[in-house]
PDB file of all heavy atoms in Angstrom:
ATOM      1  N   THR A   1       8.985  -5.431  20.052  1.00  0.00           N
ATOM      2  CA  THR A   1       9.649  -6.598  20.619  1.00  0.00           C
ATOM      3  C   THR A   1      10.901  -6.127  21.358  1.00  0.00           C
ATOM      4  O   THR A   1      11.093  -4.924  21.558  1.00  0.00           O
ATOM      5  CB  THR A   1       9.997  -7.622  19.523  1.00  0.00           C
ATOM      6  OG1 THR A   1      10.506  -8.809  20.136  1.00  0.00           O
ATOM      7  CG2 THR A   1      11.014  -7.067  18.541  1.00  0.00           C
ATOM      8  N   SER A   2      11.736  -7.050  21.762  1.00  0.00           N
ATOM      9  CA  SER A   2      12.925  -6.682  22.520  1.00  0.00           C
ATOM     10  C   SER A   2      14.164  -6.703  21.631  1.00  0.00           C
ATOM     11  O   SER A   2      14.202  -7.375  20.596  1.00  0.00           O
ATOM     12  CB  SER A   2      13.134  -7.651  23.691  1.00  0.00           C
ATOM     13  OG  SER A   2      13.425  -8.950  23.201  1.00  0.00           O
ATOM     14  N   LYS A   3      15.185  -5.968  22.056  1.00  0.00           N
ATOM     15  CA  LYS A   3      16.442  -5.940  21.316  1.00  0.00           C
ATOM     16  C   LYS A   3      17.071  -7.319  21.254  1.00  0.00           C
ATOM     17  O   LYS A   3      17.700  -7.676  20.249  1.00  0.00           O
ATOM     18  CB  LYS A   3      17.391  -4.940  21.968  1.00  0.00           C
ATOM     19  CG  LYS A   3      18.734  -4.800  21.272  1.00  0.00           C
ATOM     20  CD  LYS A   3      19.546  -3.653  21.846  1.00  0.00           C
ATOM     21  CE  LYS A   3      19.944  -3.938  23.288  1.00  0.00           C
ATOM     22  NZ  LYS A   3      20.862  -2.887  23.814  1.00  0.00           N
ATOM     23  N   SER A   4      16.903  -8.106  22.297  1.00  0.00           N
ATOM     24  CA  SER A   4      17.503  -9.439  22.325  1.00  0.00           C
ATOM     25  C   SER A   4      16.970 -10.325  21.204  1.00  0.00           C
ATOM     26  O   SER A   4      17.680 -11.195  20.693  1.00  0.00           O
ATOM     27  CB  SER A   4      17.261 -10.100  23.685  1.00  0.00           C
ATOM     28  OG  SER A   4      15.862 -10.281  23.907  1.00  0.00           O
ATOM     29  N   VAL A   5      15.714 -10.114  20.791  1.00  0.00           N
ATOM     30  CA  VAL A   5      15.148 -10.897  19.691  1.00  0.00           C
ATOM     31  C   VAL A   5      15.896 -10.589  18.401  1.00  0.00           C
ATOM     32  O   VAL A   5      16.248 -11.496  17.638  1.00  0.00           O
ATOM     33  CB  VAL A   5      13.644 -10.602  19.535  1.00  0.00           C
ATOM     34  CG1 VAL A   5      13.101 -11.239  18.258  1.00  0.00           C
ATOM     35  CG2 VAL A   5      12.876 -11.102  20.745  1.00  0.00           C
ATOM     36  N   PHE A   6      16.154  -9.316  18.151  1.00  0.00           N
ATOM     37  CA  PHE A   6      16.896  -8.949  16.940  1.00  0.00           C
ATOM     38  C   PHE A   6      18.320  -9.497  16.988  1.00  0.00           C
ATOM     39  O   PHE A   6      18.843  -9.965  15.973  1.00  0.00           O
ATOM     40  CB  PHE A   6      16.906  -7.430  16.759  1.00  0.00           C
ATOM     41  CG  PHE A   6      15.660  -6.901  16.117  1.00  0.00           C
ATOM     42  CD1 PHE A   6      14.606  -6.415  16.883  1.00  0.00           C
ATOM     43  CD2 PHE A   6      15.518  -6.891  14.735  1.00  0.00           C
ATOM     44  CE1 PHE A   6      13.456  -5.919  16.286  1.00  0.00           C
ATOM     45  CE2 PHE A   6      14.375  -6.414  14.125  1.00  0.00           C
ATOM     46  CZ  PHE A   6      13.333  -5.929  14.902  1.00  0.00           C
ATOM     47  N   TYR A   7      18.948  -9.437  18.150  1.00  0.00           N
ATOM     48  CA  TYR A   7      20.306  -9.988  18.271  1.00  0.00           C
ATOM     49  C   TYR A   7      20.305 -11.492  18.051  1.00  0.00           C
ATOM     50  O   TYR A   7      21.241 -12.052  17.475  1.00  0.00           O
ATOM     51  CB  TYR A   7      20.895  -9.644  19.639  1.00  0.00           C
ATOM     52  CG  TYR A   7      21.470  -8.246  19.708  1.00  0.00           C
ATOM     53  CD1 TYR A   7      20.884  -7.273  20.509  1.00  0.00           C
ATOM     54  CD2 TYR A   7      22.596  -7.896  18.958  1.00  0.00           C
ATOM     55  CE1 TYR A   7      21.401  -5.987  20.572  1.00  0.00           C
ATOM     56  CE2 TYR A   7      23.124  -6.611  19.013  1.00  0.00           C
ATOM     57  CZ  TYR A   7      22.515  -5.665  19.818  1.00  0.00           C
ATOM     58  OH  TYR A   7      23.029  -4.391  19.873  1.00  0.00           O
ATOM     59  N   ARG A   8      19.258 -12.171  18.495  1.00  0.00           N
ATOM     60  CA  ARG A   8      19.177 -13.617  18.330  1.00  0.00           C
ATOM     61  C   ARG A   8      19.105 -13.995  16.845  1.00  0.00           C
ATOM     62  O   ARG A   8      19.686 -14.985  16.422  1.00  0.00           O
ATOM     63  CB  ARG A   8      17.960 -14.154  19.068  1.00  0.00           C
ATOM     64  CG  ARG A   8      17.877 -15.686  19.119  1.00  0.00           C
ATOM     65  CD  ARG A   8      16.590 -16.136  19.790  1.00  0.00           C
ATOM     66  NE  ARG A   8      16.311 -15.355  20.988  1.00  0.00           N
ATOM     67  CZ  ARG A   8      15.101 -14.974  21.368  1.00  0.00           C
ATOM     68  NH1 ARG A   8      14.046 -15.279  20.633  1.00  0.00           N
ATOM     69  NH2 ARG A   8      14.933 -14.283  22.483  1.00  0.00           N
ATOM     70  N   TYR A   9      18.395 -13.193  16.059  1.00  0.00           N
ATOM     71  CA  TYR A   9      18.203 -13.526  14.640  1.00  0.00           C
ATOM     72  C   TYR A   9      19.279 -12.933  13.730  1.00  0.00           C
ATOM     73  O   TYR A   9      19.565 -13.500  12.672  1.00  0.00           O
ATOM     74  CB  TYR A   9      16.832 -13.050  14.174  1.00  0.00           C
ATOM     75  CG  TYR A   9      15.714 -13.995  14.545  1.00  0.00           C
ATOM     76  CD1 TYR A   9      15.084 -13.918  15.783  1.00  0.00           C
ATOM     77  CD2 TYR A   9      15.281 -14.979  13.653  1.00  0.00           C
ATOM     78  CE1 TYR A   9      14.059 -14.794  16.127  1.00  0.00           C
ATOM     79  CE2 TYR A   9      14.258 -15.853  13.986  1.00  0.00           C
ATOM     80  CZ  TYR A   9      13.655 -15.752  15.222  1.00  0.00           C
ATOM     81  OH  TYR A   9      12.640 -16.632  15.568  1.00  0.00           O
ATOM     82  N   PHE A  10      19.867 -11.799  14.119  1.00  0.00           N
ATOM     83  CA  PHE A  10      20.770 -11.100  13.197  1.00  0.00           C
ATOM     84  C   PHE A  10      22.172 -10.867  13.751  1.00  0.00           C
ATOM     85  O   PHE A  10      23.037 -10.406  13.018  1.00  0.00           O
ATOM     86  CB  PHE A  10      20.154  -9.753  12.796  1.00  0.00           C
ATOM     87  CG  PHE A  10      18.783  -9.883  12.203  1.00  0.00           C
ATOM     88  CD1 PHE A  10      17.654  -9.568  12.943  1.00  0.00           C
ATOM     89  CD2 PHE A  10      18.603 -10.352  10.905  1.00  0.00           C
ATOM     90  CE1 PHE A  10      16.386  -9.692  12.408  1.00  0.00           C
ATOM     91  CE2 PHE A  10      17.339 -10.493  10.357  1.00  0.00           C
ATOM     92  CZ  PHE A  10      16.226 -10.163  11.113  1.00  0.00           C
ATOM     93  N   GLY A  11      22.395 -11.181  15.017  1.00  0.00           N
ATOM     94  CA  GLY A  11      23.724 -11.034  15.595  1.00  0.00           C
ATOM     95  C   GLY A  11      23.992  -9.643  16.118  1.00  0.00           C
ATOM     96  O   GLY A  11      24.293  -9.463  17.301  1.00  0.00           O
ATOM     97  N   ASP A  12      23.907  -8.638  15.268  1.00  0.00           N
ATOM     98  CA  ASP A  12      24.122  -7.250  15.654  1.00  0.00           C
ATOM     99  C   ASP A  12      23.459  -6.349  14.618  1.00  0.00           C
ATOM    100  O   ASP A  12      22.787  -6.829  13.700  1.00  0.00           O
ATOM    101  CB  ASP A  12      25.620  -6.933  15.796  1.00  0.00           C
ATOM    102  CG  ASP A  12      26.414  -7.300  14.542  1.00  0.00           C
ATOM    103  OD1 ASP A  12      25.793  -7.476  13.470  1.00  0.00           O
ATOM    104  OD2 ASP A  12      27.648  -7.407  14.628  1.00  0.00           O
ATOM    105  N   LYS A  13      23.679  -5.049  14.753  1.00  0.00           N
ATOM    106  CA  LYS A  13      23.039  -4.114  13.834  1.00  0.00           C
ATOM    107  C   LYS A  13      23.550  -4.310  12.406  1.00  0.00           C
ATOM    108  O   LYS A  13      22.795  -4.159  11.432  1.00  0.00           O
ATOM    109  CB  LYS A  13      23.261  -2.677  14.285  1.00  0.00           C
ATOM    110  CG  LYS A  13      22.485  -1.667  13.451  1.00  0.00           C
ATOM    111  CD  LYS A  13      22.624  -0.251  13.979  1.00  0.00           C
ATOM    112  CE  LYS A  13      21.834   0.730  13.123  1.00  0.00           C
ATOM    113  NZ  LYS A  13      21.948   2.122  13.628  1.00  0.00           N
ATOM    114  N   ALA A  14      24.839  -4.640  12.272  1.00  0.00           N
ATOM    115  CA  ALA A  14      25.393  -4.890  10.940  1.00  0.00           C
ATOM    116  C   ALA A  14      24.691  -6.071  10.269  1.00  0.00           C
ATOM    117  O   ALA A  14      24.419  -6.049   9.063  1.00  0.00           O
ATOM    118  CB  ALA A  14      26.894  -5.144  11.028  1.00  0.00           C
ATOM    119  N   GLY A  15      24.394  -7.109  11.049  1.00  0.00           N
ATOM    120  CA  GLY A  15      23.673  -8.255  10.505  1.00  0.00           C
ATOM    121  C   GLY A  15      22.258  -7.893  10.090  1.00  0.00           C
ATOM    122  O   GLY A  15      21.761  -8.368   9.064  1.00  0.00           O
ATOM    123  N   LEU A  16      21.616  -7.049  10.888  1.00  0.00           N
ATOM    124  CA  LEU A  16      20.265  -6.584  10.530  1.00  0.00           C
ATOM    125  C   LEU A  16      20.319  -5.734   9.264  1.00  0.00           C
ATOM    126  O   LEU A  16      19.490  -5.885   8.366  1.00  0.00           O
ATOM    127  CB  LEU A  16      19.667  -5.780  11.682  1.00  0.00           C
ATOM    128  CG  LEU A  16      18.305  -5.134  11.410  1.00  0.00           C
ATOM    129  CD1 LEU A  16      17.246  -6.179  11.109  1.00  0.00           C
ATOM    130  CD2 LEU A  16      17.880  -4.265  12.606  1.00  0.00           C
ATOM    131  N   GLN A  17      21.306  -4.864   9.194  1.00  0.00           N
ATOM    132  CA  GLN A  17      21.463  -4.014   8.014  1.00  0.00           C
ATOM    133  C   GLN A  17      21.651  -4.872   6.762  1.00  0.00           C
ATOM    134  O   GLN A  17      21.050  -4.603   5.716  1.00  0.00           O
ATOM    135  CB  GLN A  17      22.663  -3.089   8.190  1.00  0.00           C
ATOM    136  CG  GLN A  17      22.870  -2.127   7.029  1.00  0.00           C
ATOM    137  CD  GLN A  17      24.159  -1.331   7.173  1.00  0.00           C
ATOM    138  OE1 GLN A  17      25.154  -1.819   7.708  1.00  0.00           O
ATOM    139  NE2 GLN A  17      24.143  -0.108   6.683  1.00  0.00           N
ATOM    140  N   GLN A  18      22.436  -5.924   6.875  1.00  0.00           N
ATOM    141  CA  GLN A  18      22.658  -6.797   5.724  1.00  0.00           C
ATOM    142  C   GLN A  18      21.374  -7.511   5.320  1.00  0.00           C
ATOM    143  O   GLN A  18      21.074  -7.642   4.129  1.00  0.00           O
ATOM    144  CB  GLN A  18      23.744  -7.824   6.034  1.00  0.00           C
ATOM    145  CG  GLN A  18      24.030  -8.769   4.876  1.00  0.00           C
ATOM    146  CD  GLN A  18      25.197  -9.692   5.149  1.00  0.00           C
ATOM    147  OE1 GLN A  18      25.926  -9.520   6.122  1.00  0.00           O
ATOM    148  NE2 GLN A  18      25.369 -10.685   4.303  1.00  0.00           N
ATOM    149  N   ALA A  19      20.612  -7.976   6.303  1.00  0.00           N
ATOM    150  CA  ALA A  19      19.356  -8.665   5.994  1.00  0.00           C
ATOM    151  C   ALA A  19      18.358  -7.733   5.311  1.00  0.00           C
ATOM    152  O   ALA A  19      17.673  -8.121   4.359  1.00  0.00           O
ATOM    153  CB  ALA A  19      18.755  -9.246   7.276  1.00  0.00           C
ATOM    154  N   VAL A  20      18.277  -6.492   5.798  1.00  0.00           N
ATOM    155  CA  VAL A  20      17.380  -5.518   5.169  1.00  0.00           C
ATOM    156  C   VAL A  20      17.874  -5.199   3.758  1.00  0.00           C
ATOM    157  O   VAL A  20      17.084  -5.086   2.814  1.00  0.00           O
ATOM    158  CB  VAL A  20      17.284  -4.238   6.024  1.00  0.00           C
ATOM    159  CG1 VAL A  20      16.469  -3.167   5.300  1.00  0.00           C
ATOM    160  CG2 VAL A  20      16.650  -4.543   7.380  1.00  0.00           C
ATOM    161  N   ALA A  21      19.185  -5.067   3.604  1.00  0.00           N
ATOM    162  CA  ALA A  21      19.752  -4.768   2.288  1.00  0.00           C
ATOM    163  C   ALA A  21      19.455  -5.887   1.300  1.00  0.00           C
ATOM    164  O   ALA A  21      19.118  -5.621   0.139  1.00  0.00           O
ATOM    165  CB  ALA A  21      21.262  -4.552   2.403  1.00  0.00           C
ATOM    166  N   GLU A  22      19.599  -7.120   1.735  1.00  0.00           N
ATOM    167  CA  GLU A  22      19.309  -8.243   0.839  1.00  0.00           C
ATOM    168  C   GLU A  22      17.866  -8.190   0.355  1.00  0.00           C
ATOM    169  O   GLU A  22      17.574  -8.452  -0.820  1.00  0.00           O
ATOM    170  CB  GLU A  22      19.586  -9.560   1.554  1.00  0.00           C
ATOM    171  CG  GLU A  22      21.072  -9.830   1.775  1.00  0.00           C
ATOM    172  CD  GLU A  22      21.312 -11.039   2.655  1.00  0.00           C
ATOM    173  OE1 GLU A  22      20.327 -11.607   3.171  1.00  0.00           O
ATOM    174  OE2 GLU A  22      22.486 -11.414   2.850  1.00  0.00           O
ATOM    175  N   ARG A  23      16.967  -7.831   1.246  1.00  0.00           N
ATOM    176  CA  ARG A  23      15.553  -7.751   0.889  1.00  0.00           C
ATOM    177  C   ARG A  23      15.290  -6.582  -0.057  1.00  0.00           C
ATOM    178  O   ARG A  23      14.650  -6.735  -1.107  1.00  0.00           O
ATOM    179  CB  ARG A  23      14.724  -7.589   2.171  1.00  0.00           C
ATOM    180  CG  ARG A  23      13.240  -7.418   1.953  1.00  0.00           C
ATOM    181  CD  ARG A  23      12.596  -8.688   1.493  1.00  0.00           C
ATOM    182  NE  ARG A  23      11.152  -8.554   1.414  1.00  0.00           N
ATOM    183  CZ  ARG A  23      10.342  -9.479   0.919  1.00  0.00           C
ATOM    184  NH1 ARG A  23      10.848 -10.621   0.475  1.00  0.00           N
ATOM    185  NH2 ARG A  23       9.047  -9.291   0.877  1.00  0.00           N
ATOM    186  N   VAL A  24      15.793  -5.402   0.306  1.00  0.00           N
ATOM    187  CA  VAL A  24      15.526  -4.195  -0.479  1.00  0.00           C
ATOM    188  C   VAL A  24      16.206  -4.269  -1.839  1.00  0.00           C
ATOM    189  O   VAL A  24      15.588  -4.007  -2.886  1.00  0.00           O
ATOM    190  CB  VAL A  24      15.997  -2.945   0.296  1.00  0.00           C
ATOM    191  CG1 VAL A  24      15.931  -1.709  -0.586  1.00  0.00           C
ATOM    192  CG2 VAL A  24      15.144  -2.747   1.544  1.00  0.00           C
ATOM    193  N   LEU A  25      17.491  -4.632  -1.841  1.00  0.00           N
ATOM    194  CA  LEU A  25      18.223  -4.666  -3.103  1.00  0.00           C
ATOM    195  C   LEU A  25      17.770  -5.827  -3.979  1.00  0.00           C
ATOM    196  O   LEU A  25      17.803  -5.731  -5.210  1.00  0.00           O
ATOM    197  CB  LEU A  25      19.725  -4.751  -2.830  1.00  0.00           C
ATOM    198  CG  LEU A  25      20.312  -3.541  -2.090  1.00  0.00           C
ATOM    199  CD1 LEU A  25      21.806  -3.746  -1.850  1.00  0.00           C
ATOM    200  CD2 LEU A  25      20.070  -2.239  -2.835  1.00  0.00           C
ATOM    201  N   GLY A  26      17.344  -6.922  -3.361  1.00  0.00           N
ATOM    202  CA  GLY A  26      16.798  -8.026  -4.135  1.00  0.00           C
ATOM    203  C   GLY A  26      15.530  -7.616  -4.861  1.00  0.00           C
ATOM    204  O   GLY A  26      15.327  -7.955  -6.035  1.00  0.00           O
ATOM    205  N   ARG A  27      14.687  -6.874  -4.167  1.00  0.00           N
ATOM    206  CA  ARG A  27      13.455  -6.378  -4.798  1.00  0.00           C
ATOM    207  C   ARG A  27      13.794  -5.407  -5.929  1.00  0.00           C
ATOM    208  O   ARG A  27      13.198  -5.451  -7.017  1.00  0.00           O
ATOM    209  CB  ARG A  27      12.593  -5.682  -3.755  1.00  0.00           C
ATOM    210  CG  ARG A  27      11.362  -4.994  -4.338  1.00  0.00           C
ATOM    211  CD  ARG A  27      10.655  -4.164  -3.282  1.00  0.00           C
ATOM    212  NE  ARG A  27       9.691  -3.245  -3.874  1.00  0.00           N
ATOM    213  CZ  ARG A  27       9.143  -2.240  -3.219  1.00  0.00           C
ATOM    214  NH1 ARG A  27       9.458  -2.021  -1.954  1.00  0.00           N
ATOM    215  NH2 ARG A  27       8.285  -1.433  -3.807  1.00  0.00           N
ATOM    216  N   LEU A  28      14.765  -4.519  -5.682  1.00  0.00           N
ATOM    217  CA  LEU A  28      15.131  -3.551  -6.707  1.00  0.00           C
ATOM    218  C   LEU A  28      15.733  -4.244  -7.924  1.00  0.00           C
ATOM    219  O   LEU A  28      15.405  -3.887  -9.071  1.00  0.00           O
ATOM    220  CB  LEU A  28      16.125  -2.540  -6.136  1.00  0.00           C
ATOM    221  CG  LEU A  28      16.675  -1.499  -7.118  1.00  0.00           C
ATOM    222  CD1 LEU A  28      15.546  -0.740  -7.807  1.00  0.00           C
ATOM    223  CD2 LEU A  28      17.610  -0.536  -6.400  1.00  0.00           C
ATOM    224  N   GLU A  29      16.584  -5.228  -7.701  1.00  0.00           N
ATOM    225  CA  GLU A  29      17.171  -5.945  -8.831  1.00  0.00           C
ATOM    226  C   GLU A  29      16.076  -6.627  -9.664  1.00  0.00           C
ATOM    227  O   GLU A  29      16.136  -6.636 -10.901  1.00  0.00           O
ATOM    228  CB  GLU A  29      18.182  -6.977  -8.333  1.00  0.00           C
ATOM    229  CG  GLU A  29      18.962  -7.646  -9.447  1.00  0.00           C
ATOM    230  CD  GLU A  29      20.064  -8.556  -8.938  1.00  0.00           C
ATOM    231  OE1 GLU A  29      20.436  -8.453  -7.744  1.00  0.00           O
ATOM    232  OE2 GLU A  29      20.569  -9.384  -9.730  1.00  0.00           O
ATOM    233  N   GLN A  30      15.074  -7.187  -8.989  1.00  0.00           N
ATOM    234  CA  GLN A  30      13.957  -7.808  -9.714  1.00  0.00           C
ATOM    235  C   GLN A  30      13.217  -6.775 -10.554  1.00  0.00           C
ATOM    236  O   GLN A  30      12.858  -7.033 -11.712  1.00  0.00           O
ATOM    237  CB  GLN A  30      13.002  -8.457  -8.722  1.00  0.00           C
ATOM    238  CG  GLN A  30      11.803  -9.131  -9.379  1.00  0.00           C
ATOM    239  CD  GLN A  30      10.854  -9.749  -8.359  1.00  0.00           C
ATOM    240  OE1 GLN A  30      11.134  -9.772  -7.159  1.00  0.00           O
ATOM    241  NE2 GLN A  30       9.730 -10.245  -8.823  1.00  0.00           N
ATOM    242  N   GLU A  31      12.992  -5.590 -10.003  1.00  0.00           N
ATOM    243  CA  GLU A  31      12.294  -4.548 -10.741  1.00  0.00           C
ATOM    244  C   GLU A  31      13.114  -4.061 -11.933  1.00  0.00           C
ATOM    245  O   GLU A  31      12.566  -3.730 -12.992  1.00  0.00           O
ATOM    246  CB  GLU A  31      11.951  -3.384  -9.812  1.00  0.00           C
ATOM    247  CG  GLU A  31      10.902  -3.745  -8.771  1.00  0.00           C
ATOM    248  CD  GLU A  31      10.460  -2.547  -7.952  1.00  0.00           C
ATOM    249  OE1 GLU A  31      10.958  -1.433  -8.209  1.00  0.00           O
ATOM    250  OE2 GLU A  31       9.616  -2.720  -7.052  1.00  0.00           O
ATOM    251  N   LEU A  32      14.430  -4.013 -11.777  1.00  0.00           N
ATOM    252  CA  LEU A  32      15.285  -3.613 -12.893  1.00  0.00           C
ATOM    253  C   LEU A  32      15.223  -4.649 -14.014  1.00  0.00           C
ATOM    254  O   LEU A  32      15.184  -4.295 -15.199  1.00  0.00           O
ATOM    255  CB  LEU A  32      16.719  -3.422 -12.417  1.00  0.00           C
ATOM    256  CG  LEU A  32      16.956  -2.285 -11.417  1.00  0.00           C
ATOM    257  CD1 LEU A  32      18.430  -2.231 -11.015  1.00  0.00           C
ATOM    258  CD2 LEU A  32      16.525  -0.948 -11.984  1.00  0.00           C
ATOM    259  N   HIS A  33      15.224  -5.928 -13.645  1.00  0.00           N
ATOM    260  CA  HIS A  33      15.085  -6.987 -14.646  1.00  0.00           C
ATOM    261  C   HIS A  33      13.753  -6.850 -15.387  1.00  0.00           C
ATOM    262  O   HIS A  33      13.695  -6.990 -16.616  1.00  0.00           O
ATOM    263  CB  HIS A  33      15.168  -8.360 -13.989  1.00  0.00           C
ATOM    264  CG  HIS A  33      16.563  -8.865 -13.794  1.00  0.00           C
ATOM    265  ND1 HIS A  33      17.294  -9.432 -14.819  1.00  0.00           N
ATOM    266  CD2 HIS A  33      17.364  -8.875 -12.693  1.00  0.00           C
ATOM    267  CE1 HIS A  33      18.487  -9.783 -14.367  1.00  0.00           C
ATOM    268  NE2 HIS A  33      18.557  -9.450 -13.085  1.00  0.00           N
ATOM    269  N   GLU A  34      12.686  -6.593 -14.644  1.00  0.00           N
ATOM    270  CA  GLU A  34      11.370  -6.452 -15.266  1.00  0.00           C
ATOM    271  C   GLU A  34      11.324  -5.245 -16.185  1.00  0.00           C
ATOM    272  O   GLU A  34      10.726  -5.296 -17.274  1.00  0.00           O
ATOM    273  CB  GLU A  34      10.298  -6.341 -14.176  1.00  0.00           C
ATOM    274  CG  GLU A  34      10.105  -7.630 -13.382  1.00  0.00           C
ATOM    275  CD  GLU A  34       9.162  -7.460 -12.204  1.00  0.00           C
ATOM    276  OE1 GLU A  34       8.724  -6.303 -11.957  1.00  0.00           O
ATOM    277  OE2 GLU A  34       8.872  -8.455 -11.517  1.00  0.00           O
ATOM    278  N   ALA A  35      11.969  -4.145 -15.777  1.00  0.00           N
ATOM    279  CA  ALA A  35      11.992  -2.949 -16.620  1.00  0.00           C
ATOM    280  C   ALA A  35      12.733  -3.223 -17.916  1.00  0.00           C
ATOM    281  O   ALA A  35      12.298  -2.803 -18.997  1.00  0.00           O
ATOM    282  CB  ALA A  35      12.646  -1.789 -15.866  1.00  0.00           C
ATOM    283  N   ALA A  36      13.840  -3.951 -17.830  1.00  0.00           N
ATOM    284  CA  ALA A  36      14.607  -4.271 -19.028  1.00  0.00           C
ATOM    285  C   ALA A  36      13.843  -5.233 -19.927  1.00  0.00           C
ATOM    286  O   ALA A  36      13.831  -5.092 -21.151  1.00  0.00           O
ATOM    287  CB  ALA A  36      15.957  -4.862 -18.637  1.00  0.00           C
ATOM    288  N   ALA A  37      13.183  -6.214 -19.313  1.00  0.00           N
ATOM    289  CA  ALA A  37      12.488  -7.242 -20.099  1.00  0.00           C
ATOM    290  C   ALA A  37      11.247  -6.690 -20.789  1.00  0.00           C
ATOM    291  O   ALA A  37      10.884  -7.146 -21.882  1.00  0.00           O
ATOM    292  CB  ALA A  37      12.104  -8.413 -19.204  1.00  0.00           C
ATOM    293  N   SER A  38      10.574  -5.735 -20.186  1.00  0.00           N
ATOM    294  CA  SER A  38       9.329  -5.217 -20.749  1.00  0.00           C
ATOM    295  C   SER A  38       9.535  -4.011 -21.663  1.00  0.00           C
ATOM    296  O   SER A  38       8.566  -3.507 -22.248  1.00  0.00           O
ATOM    297  CB  SER A  38       8.364  -4.829 -19.623  1.00  0.00           C
ATOM    298  OG  SER A  38       8.918  -3.792 -18.834  1.00  0.00           O
ATOM    299  N   ALA A  39      10.773  -3.554 -21.792  1.00  0.00           N
ATOM    300  CA  ALA A  39      11.044  -2.355 -22.586  1.00  0.00           C
ATOM    301  C   ALA A  39      10.804  -2.613 -24.069  1.00  0.00           C
ATOM    302  O   ALA A  39      11.123  -3.679 -24.589  1.00  0.00           O
ATOM    303  CB  ALA A  39      12.478  -1.888 -22.361  1.00  0.00           C
ATOM    304  N   ARG A  40      10.258  -1.630 -24.758  1.00  0.00           N
ATOM    305  CA  ARG A  40      10.012  -1.743 -26.192  1.00  0.00           C
ATOM    306  C   ARG A  40      11.255  -1.452 -27.024  1.00  0.00           C
ATOM    307  O   ARG A  40      11.295  -1.777 -28.210  1.00  0.00           O
ATOM    308  CB  ARG A  40       8.886  -0.790 -26.593  1.00  0.00           C
ATOM    309  CG  ARG A  40       7.531  -1.138 -25.987  1.00  0.00           C
ATOM    310  CD  ARG A  40       6.525  -0.042 -26.250  1.00  0.00           C
ATOM    311  NE  ARG A  40       6.922   1.202 -25.578  1.00  0.00           N
ATOM    312  CZ  ARG A  40       6.235   2.347 -25.662  1.00  0.00           C
ATOM    313  NH1 ARG A  40       5.149   2.404 -26.404  1.00  0.00           N
ATOM    314  NH2 ARG A  40       6.644   3.410 -25.017  1.00  0.00           N
ATOM    315  N   SER A  41      12.245  -0.828 -26.415  1.00  0.00           N
ATOM    316  CA  SER A  41      13.472  -0.495 -27.122  1.00  0.00           C
ATOM    317  C   SER A  41      14.608  -0.439 -26.116  1.00  0.00           C
ATOM    318  O   SER A  41      14.366  -0.350 -24.901  1.00  0.00           O
ATOM    319  CB  SER A  41      13.336   0.861 -27.825  1.00  0.00           C
ATOM    320  OG  SER A  41      13.282   1.908 -26.862  1.00  0.00           O
ATOM    321  N   PRO A  42      15.863  -0.485 -26.569  1.00  0.00           N
ATOM    322  CA  PRO A  42      16.992  -0.355 -25.631  1.00  0.00           C
ATOM    323  C   PRO A  42      16.937   0.949 -24.841  1.00  0.00           C
ATOM    324  O   PRO A  42      17.244   0.963 -23.651  1.00  0.00           O
ATOM    325  CB  PRO A  42      18.215  -0.412 -26.550  1.00  0.00           C
ATOM    326  CG  PRO A  42      17.761  -1.175 -27.749  1.00  0.00           C
ATOM    327  CD  PRO A  42      16.322  -0.789 -27.940  1.00  0.00           C
ATOM    328  N   LEU A  43      16.549   2.032 -25.499  1.00  0.00           N
ATOM    329  CA  LEU A  43      16.455   3.311 -24.792  1.00  0.00           C
ATOM    330  C   LEU A  43      15.429   3.233 -23.670  1.00  0.00           C
ATOM    331  O   LEU A  43      15.672   3.689 -22.552  1.00  0.00           O
ATOM    332  CB  LEU A  43      16.086   4.420 -25.771  1.00  0.00           C
ATOM    333  CG  LEU A  43      16.137   5.862 -25.246  1.00  0.00           C
ATOM    334  CD1 LEU A  43      16.490   6.820 -26.385  1.00  0.00           C
ATOM    335  CD2 LEU A  43      14.820   6.288 -24.610  1.00  0.00           C
ATOM    336  N   ASP A  44      14.281   2.621 -23.959  1.00  0.00           N
ATOM    337  CA  ASP A  44      13.259   2.445 -22.922  1.00  0.00           C
ATOM    338  C   ASP A  44      13.778   1.563 -21.787  1.00  0.00           C
ATOM    339  O   ASP A  44      13.408   1.753 -20.626  1.00  0.00           O
ATOM    340  CB  ASP A  44      11.995   1.812 -23.518  1.00  0.00           C
ATOM    341  CG  ASP A  44      11.180   2.795 -24.335  1.00  0.00           C
ATOM    342  OD1 ASP A  44      11.383   4.010 -24.158  1.00  0.00           O
ATOM    343  OD2 ASP A  44      10.360   2.352 -25.156  1.00  0.00           O
TER     344      ASP A  44
END
């Protein structure tokens, strides 16, 4: 696609970086919650 499309949705590269971070870190936080919830012991 064109650069103008990304600017229209995210403003600039910093905005795109934040949107990607929200997605990636949100997924990671969910996985950390699942790891803690499914653990058989605190060490696990």
